[in-house]
Protein backbone atom coordinates (compact mmCIF):
# COMPACT_ATOMS: atom_id res chain seq x y z
CA MET A 1 103.20 81.41 96.03
CA ILE A 2 100.69 83.25 98.17
CA TYR A 3 97.92 85.45 96.75
CA CYS A 4 97.19 88.82 98.33
CA LEU A 5 93.67 90.20 97.90
CA ILE A 6 93.31 93.98 98.10
CA ILE A 7 90.08 95.87 97.45
CA THR A 8 90.26 99.57 96.57
CA ASP A 9 87.45 102.07 97.21
CA LEU A 10 87.31 103.98 93.92
CA ASN A 11 85.48 106.96 95.46
CA LEU A 12 88.50 107.76 97.62
CA LEU A 13 91.04 108.17 94.82
CA TYR A 14 92.60 111.64 94.82
CA ASN A 15 96.05 113.23 94.42
CA ASN A 16 97.78 109.84 94.13
CA TYR A 17 96.04 108.70 97.34
CA PHE A 18 93.83 105.64 97.40
CA GLU A 19 92.05 103.71 100.14
CA ASN A 20 93.11 100.06 100.02
CA PHE A 21 91.69 97.30 102.18
CA THR A 22 93.97 94.29 102.53
CA ILE A 23 91.44 91.50 102.78
CA GLY A 24 93.85 88.64 103.27
CA TYR A 25 96.47 86.24 101.96
CA PHE A 26 95.33 83.04 100.28
CA THR A 27 96.92 79.75 99.30
CA SER A 28 95.34 79.75 95.82
CA TYR A 29 94.26 82.32 93.25
CA GLU A 30 90.82 80.69 93.17
CA LYS A 31 90.28 81.22 96.92
CA ALA A 32 91.28 84.88 96.60
CA LEU A 33 88.98 85.38 93.59
CA GLU A 34 86.04 83.68 95.32
CA THR A 35 86.55 85.93 98.35
CA ALA A 36 86.78 89.06 96.15
CA ASN A 37 83.50 88.22 94.43
CA ARG A 38 81.80 87.55 97.77
CA TYR A 39 82.99 90.88 99.19
CA LEU A 40 81.82 92.87 96.16
CA THR A 41 78.33 91.35 96.34
CA GLU A 42 77.70 90.62 100.05
CA ILE A 43 79.90 92.64 102.44
CA GLU A 44 78.70 96.05 103.68
CA GLY A 45 80.39 98.98 101.95
CA PHE A 46 82.22 96.91 99.38
CA ASN A 47 78.85 96.04 97.84
CA LYS A 48 77.43 99.61 97.99
CA TYR A 49 80.29 101.72 96.67
CA PRO A 50 82.39 101.37 93.54
CA CYS A 51 85.30 99.11 94.43
CA LYS A 52 87.77 97.03 92.48
CA TYR A 53 89.88 94.11 93.58
CA ASP A 54 93.46 93.22 92.84
CA ILE A 55 95.04 89.83 93.43
CA THR A 56 98.82 89.74 93.41
CA GLU A 57 101.24 86.86 93.78
CA LYS A 58 103.71 87.08 96.64
CA PRO A 59 106.59 84.66 96.99
CA ILE A 60 107.47 82.90 100.21
CA SER A 61 111.20 83.38 100.60
CA ASP A 62 111.87 80.80 103.30
CA PHE A 63 109.33 78.11 102.45
CA ASN A 64 112.06 75.43 102.42
CA CYS A 65 112.29 75.87 106.19
CA ARG A 66 108.99 74.04 106.66
CA THR A 67 106.81 71.58 104.79
CA SER A 68 103.62 73.59 105.27
CA ALA A 69 102.52 76.95 106.58
CA ASP A 70 99.28 78.28 108.03
CA GLU A 71 100.62 81.76 108.75
CA ILE A 72 103.08 84.16 107.17
CA PHE A 73 105.06 87.24 108.22
CA ILE A 74 105.64 90.34 106.09
CA VAL A 75 107.88 93.31 106.85
CA PHE A 76 106.49 96.79 106.12
CA GLY A 77 108.16 100.19 106.21
CA TRP A 78 106.52 103.57 105.57
CA ASN A 79 106.55 107.30 106.11
CA VAL A 80 103.64 109.53 107.16
CA ASN A 81 102.77 112.76 105.32
CA ASP A 82 101.24 115.97 106.70
CA ASN A 83 97.72 114.52 106.24
CA LEU A 84 98.75 111.48 108.32
CA ASP A 85 98.54 109.25 105.22
CA GLU A 86 100.99 106.37 104.97
CA THR A 87 103.38 107.03 102.07
CA ASP A 88 106.51 105.52 100.52
CA ILE A 89 105.44 102.03 101.61
CA VAL A 90 107.90 99.18 101.12
CA GLU A 91 107.18 95.54 101.87
CA SER A 92 109.08 92.32 101.88
CA ASP A 93 108.30 88.91 100.47
CA CYS A 94 106.42 86.52 102.75
CA PHE A 95 108.16 84.43 105.40
CA VAL A 96 106.93 81.43 107.38
CA SER A 97 109.54 82.03 110.07
CA TYR A 98 109.35 85.08 112.34
CA ASP A 99 113.13 84.92 112.82
CA THR A 100 113.70 85.18 109.06
CA ALA A 101 111.28 88.12 108.89
CA LEU A 102 113.18 89.80 111.71
CA GLN A 103 116.45 89.38 109.78
CA GLU A 104 114.75 90.91 106.73
CA LEU A 105 113.49 93.83 108.84
CA ASN A 106 117.07 94.63 109.84
CA ASN A 107 118.24 94.36 106.21
CA MET A 108 115.43 96.61 104.96
CA LYS A 109 116.15 99.24 107.62
CA LEU A 110 119.66 99.53 106.20
CA LYS A 111 118.41 99.71 102.62
CA TYR A 112 115.36 102.01 102.97
CA HIS A 113 114.97 105.17 104.99
CA ARG A 114 111.50 104.92 106.53
CA ASN A 115 110.20 106.33 109.80
CA GLU A 116 107.89 103.45 110.70
CA TRP A 117 108.48 99.68 110.58
CA CYS A 118 106.58 96.55 111.55
CA ILE A 119 106.34 92.83 111.01
CA ASP A 120 102.75 91.73 110.41
CA LYS A 121 101.48 88.20 110.86
CA TYR A 122 98.66 86.85 108.67
CA LYS A 123 96.72 83.61 108.86
CA LEU A 124 96.47 82.09 105.40
CA ASP A 125 92.99 81.76 103.87
CA GLU A 126 91.52 84.01 106.58
CA CYS A 127 89.99 87.43 105.97
CA GLU A 128 91.72 90.22 107.87
CA TRP A 129 89.10 92.84 106.99
CA ALA A 130 85.85 90.99 107.63
CA ASP A 131 83.39 93.66 108.81
CA GLY A 132 83.09 95.82 105.71
CA PHE A 133 82.93 99.59 106.04
CA THR A 134 80.53 102.53 106.20
CA ARG A 135 80.93 106.17 105.32
CA VAL A 136 80.01 108.96 107.67
C-alpha cells in the first residue's frame, strides 16, 4: 500500500469546489502523517490558513513485477467546466511500471468519457508541493 497525502484549503470550499494540494505519496502512514503535521505548522500558507489533511491508502496493482519501488505511476482523467475547474476526475491505482500504467490508460479511456488524460509519475516519500502557497 501507498499513502497519499492531500491538504485542503478550507477557505476555498464553495459550490462543491475545493482546493486540494497533493503533497505526495508515502511508503508508510507514519511518514504521511509526519509530513502533514509539518506542513500545517511550518509551511507557508498551510500554516496561516485553515487547512485539513487527508491520508488515503492506494494499492499498487503491479507490485509483483518488482521487488521494490521508488516511484509510481497513476492515470488521471478529467473534464473542465466553464470556470476552468477540473471536474469528474477519475484515477487509477498505482503502478510501478509505466507500461502497465499505459495499458490502464487505454482501458480507462474505453470505460470513462473524459476530455483530458495523463499519466503522472511520483517519487515515493518526496513532497510534490514543497513551496507552500500565498493568496493575492
